[in-house]
Amino acid sequence: MMRFHFLIPLLLLAASTRSIADSQVYIWQRVWQDGLDLGSEPSIGKTSV
């Protein structure tokens, strides 16, 4: 059983890395769409005059 003791942190790391990658993809899709839609409402970081 001790042989597989190192698998638990490895699985946790893989799961967290996957969720971080998914959130990064979502963020970049939002940024890309906001960059293309110039007439849409301002997103975070943009100031409306």
PDB file of N, CA and C in Angstrom:
ATOM      1  N   MET A   1       0.828  -1.201   0.000  1.00  0.00           N
ATOM      2  CA  MET A   1       0.000   0.000   0.000  1.00  0.00           C
ATOM      3  C   MET A   1       0.871   1.263   0.000  1.00  0.00           C
ATOM      4  N   MET A   2       2.017   1.189   0.616  1.00  0.00           N
ATOM      5  CA  MET A   2       2.891   2.362   0.670  1.00  0.00           C
ATOM      6  C   MET A   2       3.442   2.719  -0.709  1.00  0.00           C
ATOM      7  N   ARG A   3       3.423   1.757  -1.623  1.00  0.00           N
ATOM      8  CA  ARG A   3       3.909   2.055  -2.968  1.00  0.00           C
ATOM      9  C   ARG A   3       3.060   3.128  -3.629  1.00  0.00           C
ATOM     10  N   PHE A   4       1.755   3.105  -3.355  1.00  0.00           N
ATOM     11  CA  PHE A   4       0.831   4.018  -4.020  1.00  0.00           C
ATOM     12  C   PHE A   4       0.623   5.308  -3.227  1.00  0.00           C
ATOM     13  N   HIS A   5       1.424   5.491  -2.175  1.00  0.00           N
ATOM     14  CA  HIS A   5       1.237   6.669  -1.328  1.00  0.00           C
ATOM     15  C   HIS A   5       1.543   7.958  -2.097  1.00  0.00           C
ATOM     16  N   PHE A   6       2.451   7.878  -3.073  1.00  0.00           N
ATOM     17  CA  PHE A   6       2.824   9.075  -3.831  1.00  0.00           C
ATOM     18  C   PHE A   6       1.788   9.421  -4.892  1.00  0.00           C
ATOM     19  N   LEU A   7       0.847   8.518  -5.156  1.00  0.00           N
ATOM     20  CA  LEU A   7      -0.150   8.780  -6.194  1.00  0.00           C
ATOM     21  C   LEU A   7      -1.189   9.805  -5.750  1.00  0.00           C
ATOM     22  N   ILE A   8      -1.455   9.879  -4.450  1.00  0.00           N
ATOM     23  CA  ILE A   8      -2.510  10.781  -3.969  1.00  0.00           C
ATOM     24  C   ILE A   8      -2.169  12.248  -4.242  1.00  0.00           C
ATOM     25  N   PRO A   9      -0.994  12.753  -3.847  1.00  0.00           N
ATOM     26  CA  PRO A   9      -0.678  14.145  -4.205  1.00  0.00           C
ATOM     27  C   PRO A   9      -0.577  14.347  -5.709  1.00  0.00           C
ATOM     28  N   LEU A  10      -0.153  13.318  -6.432  1.00  0.00           N
ATOM     29  CA  LEU A  10      -0.045  13.435  -7.881  1.00  0.00           C
ATOM     30  C   LEU A  10      -1.420  13.612  -8.512  1.00  0.00           C
ATOM     31  N   LEU A  11      -2.405  12.847  -8.025  1.00  0.00           N
ATOM     32  CA  LEU A  11      -3.770  12.982  -8.534  1.00  0.00           C
ATOM     33  C   LEU A  11      -4.355  14.343  -8.167  1.00  0.00           C
ATOM     34  N   LEU A  12      -4.097  14.805  -6.950  1.00  0.00           N
ATOM     35  CA  LEU A  12      -4.582  16.124  -6.541  1.00  0.00           C
ATOM     36  C   LEU A  12      -3.964  17.218  -7.406  1.00  0.00           C
ATOM     37  N   LEU A  13      -2.678  17.087  -7.692  1.00  0.00           N
ATOM     38  CA  LEU A  13      -2.000  18.068  -8.526  1.00  0.00           C
ATOM     39  C   LEU A  13      -2.570  18.063  -9.937  1.00  0.00           C
ATOM     40  N   ALA A  14      -2.833  16.871 -10.469  1.00  0.00           N
ATOM     41  CA  ALA A  14      -3.399  16.776 -11.815  1.00  0.00           C
ATOM     42  C   ALA A  14      -4.789  17.398 -11.866  1.00  0.00           C
ATOM     43  N   ALA A  15      -5.604  17.157 -10.841  1.00  0.00           N
ATOM     44  CA  ALA A  15      -6.963  17.708 -10.813  1.00  0.00           C
ATOM     45  C   ALA A  15      -6.926  19.229 -10.706  1.00  0.00           C
ATOM     46  N   SER A  16      -6.062  19.758  -9.849  1.00  0.00           N
ATOM     47  CA  SER A  16      -5.993  21.214  -9.696  1.00  0.00           C
ATOM     48  C   SER A  16      -5.426  21.861 -10.957  1.00  0.00           C
ATOM     49  N   THR A  17      -4.454  21.208 -11.584  1.00  0.00           N
ATOM     50  CA  THR A  17      -3.882  21.747 -12.818  1.00  0.00           C
ATOM     51  C   THR A  17      -4.928  21.792 -13.915  1.00  0.00           C
ATOM     52  N   ARG A  18      -5.766  20.759 -13.975  1.00  0.00           N
ATOM     53  CA  ARG A  18      -6.817  20.726 -14.996  1.00  0.00           C
ATOM     54  C   ARG A  18      -7.834  21.840 -14.763  1.00  0.00           C
ATOM     55  N   SER A  19      -8.231  22.051 -13.517  1.00  0.00           N
ATOM     56  CA  SER A  19      -9.222  23.098 -13.240  1.00  0.00           C
ATOM     57  C   SER A  19      -8.638  24.479 -13.523  1.00  0.00           C
ATOM     58  N   ILE A  20      -7.361  24.671 -13.209  1.00  0.00           N
ATOM     59  CA  ILE A  20      -6.712  25.952 -13.505  1.00  0.00           C
ATOM     60  C   ILE A  20      -6.651  26.173 -15.012  1.00  0.00           C
ATOM     61  N   ALA A  21      -6.317  25.127 -15.762  1.00  0.00           N
ATOM     62  CA  ALA A  21      -6.248  25.256 -17.217  1.00  0.00           C
ATOM     63  C   ALA A  21      -7.618  25.574 -17.798  1.00  0.00           C
ATOM     64  N   ASP A  22      -8.678  24.934 -17.279  1.00  0.00           N
ATOM     65  CA  ASP A  22     -10.030  25.207 -17.764  1.00  0.00           C
ATOM     66  C   ASP A  22     -10.421  26.653 -17.490  1.00  0.00           C
ATOM     67  N   SER A  23     -10.088  27.161 -16.311  1.00  0.00           N
ATOM     68  CA  SER A  23     -10.444  28.546 -15.993  1.00  0.00           C
ATOM     69  C   SER A  23      -9.646  29.515 -16.863  1.00  0.00           C
ATOM     70  N   GLN A  24      -8.394  29.182 -17.165  1.00  0.00           N
ATOM     71  CA  GLN A  24      -7.593  30.031 -18.042  1.00  0.00           C
ATOM     72  C   GLN A  24      -8.191  30.086 -19.439  1.00  0.00           C
ATOM     73  N   VAL A  25      -8.646  28.939 -19.944  1.00  0.00           N
ATOM     74  CA  VAL A  25      -9.280  28.897 -21.263  1.00  0.00           C
ATOM     75  C   VAL A  25     -10.535  29.757 -21.266  1.00  0.00           C
ATOM     76  N   TYR A  26     -11.330  29.666 -20.205  1.00  0.00           N
ATOM     77  CA  TYR A  26     -12.558  30.461 -20.110  1.00  0.00           C
ATOM     78  C   TYR A  26     -12.226  31.957 -20.103  1.00  0.00           C
ATOM     79  N   ILE A  27     -11.215  32.334 -19.313  1.00  0.00           N
ATOM     80  CA  ILE A  27     -10.824  33.741 -19.225  1.00  0.00           C
ATOM     81  C   ILE A  27     -10.349  34.245 -20.586  1.00  0.00           C
ATOM     82  N   TRP A  28      -9.525  33.460 -21.281  1.00  0.00           N
ATOM     83  CA  TRP A  28      -9.003  33.917 -22.563  1.00  0.00           C
ATOM     84  C   TRP A  28     -10.088  33.969 -23.620  1.00  0.00           C
ATOM     85  N   GLN A  29     -11.086  33.081 -23.535  1.00  0.00           N
ATOM     86  CA  GLN A  29     -12.216  33.172 -24.462  1.00  0.00           C
ATOM     87  C   GLN A  29     -12.994  34.455 -24.224  1.00  0.00           C
ATOM     88  N   ARG A  30     -13.189  34.820 -22.956  1.00  0.00           N
ATOM     89  CA  ARG A  30     -13.897  36.060 -22.636  1.00  0.00           C
ATOM     90  C   ARG A  30     -13.103  37.272 -23.143  1.00  0.00           C
ATOM     91  N   VAL A  31     -11.798  37.268 -22.927  1.00  0.00           N
ATOM     92  CA  VAL A  31     -10.953  38.377 -23.375  1.00  0.00           C
ATOM     93  C   VAL A  31     -10.996  38.488 -24.898  1.00  0.00           C
ATOM     94  N   TRP A  32     -10.935  37.354 -25.583  1.00  0.00           N
ATOM     95  CA  TRP A  32     -10.946  37.340 -27.042  1.00  0.00           C
ATOM     96  C   TRP A  32     -12.275  37.872 -27.570  1.00  0.00           C
ATOM     97  N   GLN A  33     -13.379  37.443 -26.971  1.00  0.00           N
ATOM     98  CA  GLN A  33     -14.692  37.906 -27.412  1.00  0.00           C
ATOM     99  C   GLN A  33     -14.870  39.391 -27.101  1.00  0.00           C
ATOM    100  N   ASP A  34     -14.397  39.839 -25.950  1.00  0.00           N
ATOM    101  CA  ASP A  34     -14.500  41.256 -25.606  1.00  0.00           C
ATOM    102  C   ASP A  34     -13.644  42.099 -26.549  1.00  0.00           C
ATOM    103  N   GLY A  35     -12.513  41.547 -26.975  1.00  0.00           N
ATOM    104  CA  GLY A  35     -11.653  42.276 -27.901  1.00  0.00           C
ATOM    105  C   GLY A  35     -12.292  42.395 -29.276  1.00  0.00           C
ATOM    106  N   LEU A  36     -13.054  41.381 -29.690  1.00  0.00           N
ATOM    107  CA  LEU A  36     -13.704  41.422 -30.992  1.00  0.00           C
ATOM    108  C   LEU A  36     -14.957  42.275 -30.959  1.00  0.00           C
ATOM    109  N   ASP A  37     -15.696  42.212 -29.858  1.00  0.00           N
ATOM    110  CA  ASP A  37     -16.935  42.989 -29.740  1.00  0.00           C
ATOM    111  C   ASP A  37     -16.599  44.370 -29.182  1.00  0.00           C
ATOM    112  N   LEU A  38     -16.249  45.278 -30.065  1.00  0.00           N
ATOM    113  CA  LEU A  38     -15.813  46.599 -29.610  1.00  0.00           C
ATOM    114  C   LEU A  38     -16.979  47.439 -29.128  1.00  0.00           C
ATOM    115  N   GLY A  39     -18.202  47.120 -29.559  1.00  0.00           N
ATOM    116  CA  GLY A  39     -19.351  47.918 -29.174  1.00  0.00           C
ATOM    117  C   GLY A  39     -20.077  47.389 -27.957  1.00  0.00           C
ATOM    118  N   SER A  40     -19.570  46.320 -27.366  1.00  0.00           N
ATOM    119  CA  SER A  40     -20.269  45.725 -26.227  1.00  0.00           C
ATOM    120  C   SER A  40     -19.974  46.510 -24.947  1.00  0.00           C
ATOM    121  N   GLU A  41     -20.589  46.073 -23.865  1.00  0.00           N
ATOM    122  CA  GLU A  41     -20.372  46.776 -22.600  1.00  0.00           C
ATOM    123  C   GLU A  41     -18.928  46.575 -22.142  1.00  0.00           C
ATOM    124  N   PRO A  42     -18.359  47.533 -21.429  1.00  0.00           N
ATOM    125  CA  PRO A  42     -16.963  47.420 -21.009  1.00  0.00           C
ATOM    126  C   PRO A  42     -16.768  46.266 -20.025  1.00  0.00           C
ATOM    127  N   SER A  43     -15.687  45.550 -20.196  1.00  0.00           N
ATOM    128  CA  SER A  43     -15.391  44.446 -19.288  1.00  0.00           C
ATOM    129  C   SER A  43     -14.459  44.940 -18.185  1.00  0.00           C
ATOM    130  N   ILE A  44     -14.017  44.030 -17.341  1.00  0.00           N
ATOM    131  CA  ILE A  44     -13.152  44.401 -16.221  1.00  0.00           C
ATOM    132  C   ILE A  44     -11.828  44.962 -16.760  1.00  0.00           C
ATOM    133  N   GLY A  45     -11.418  46.080 -16.225  1.00  0.00           N
ATOM    134  CA  GLY A  45     -10.164  46.682 -16.644  1.00  0.00           C
ATOM    135  C   GLY A  45     -10.353  47.797 -17.651  1.00  0.00           C
ATOM    136  N   LYS A  46     -11.486  47.823 -18.339  1.00  0.00           N
ATOM    137  CA  LYS A  46     -11.752  48.899 -19.295  1.00  0.00           C
ATOM    138  C   LYS A  46     -12.576  49.982 -18.601  1.00  0.00           C
ATOM    139  N   THR A  47     -12.260  51.231 -18.893  1.00  0.00           N
ATOM    140  CA  THR A  47     -13.017  52.334 -18.299  1.00  0.00           C
ATOM    141  C   THR A  47     -13.929  52.932 -19.356  1.00  0.00           C
ATOM    142  N   SER A  48     -15.165  53.185 -18.989  1.00  0.00           N
ATOM    143  CA  SER A  48     -16.113  53.796 -19.922  1.00  0.00           C
ATOM    144  C   SER A  48     -16.109  55.306 -19.718  1.00  0.00           C
ATOM    145  N   VAL A  49     -15.995  56.034 -20.787  1.00  0.00           N
ATOM    146  CA  VAL A  49     -15.943  57.502 -20.711  1.00  0.00           C
ATOM    147  C   VAL A  49     -17.337  58.051 -20.976  1.00  0.00           C
TER     148      VAL A  49
END
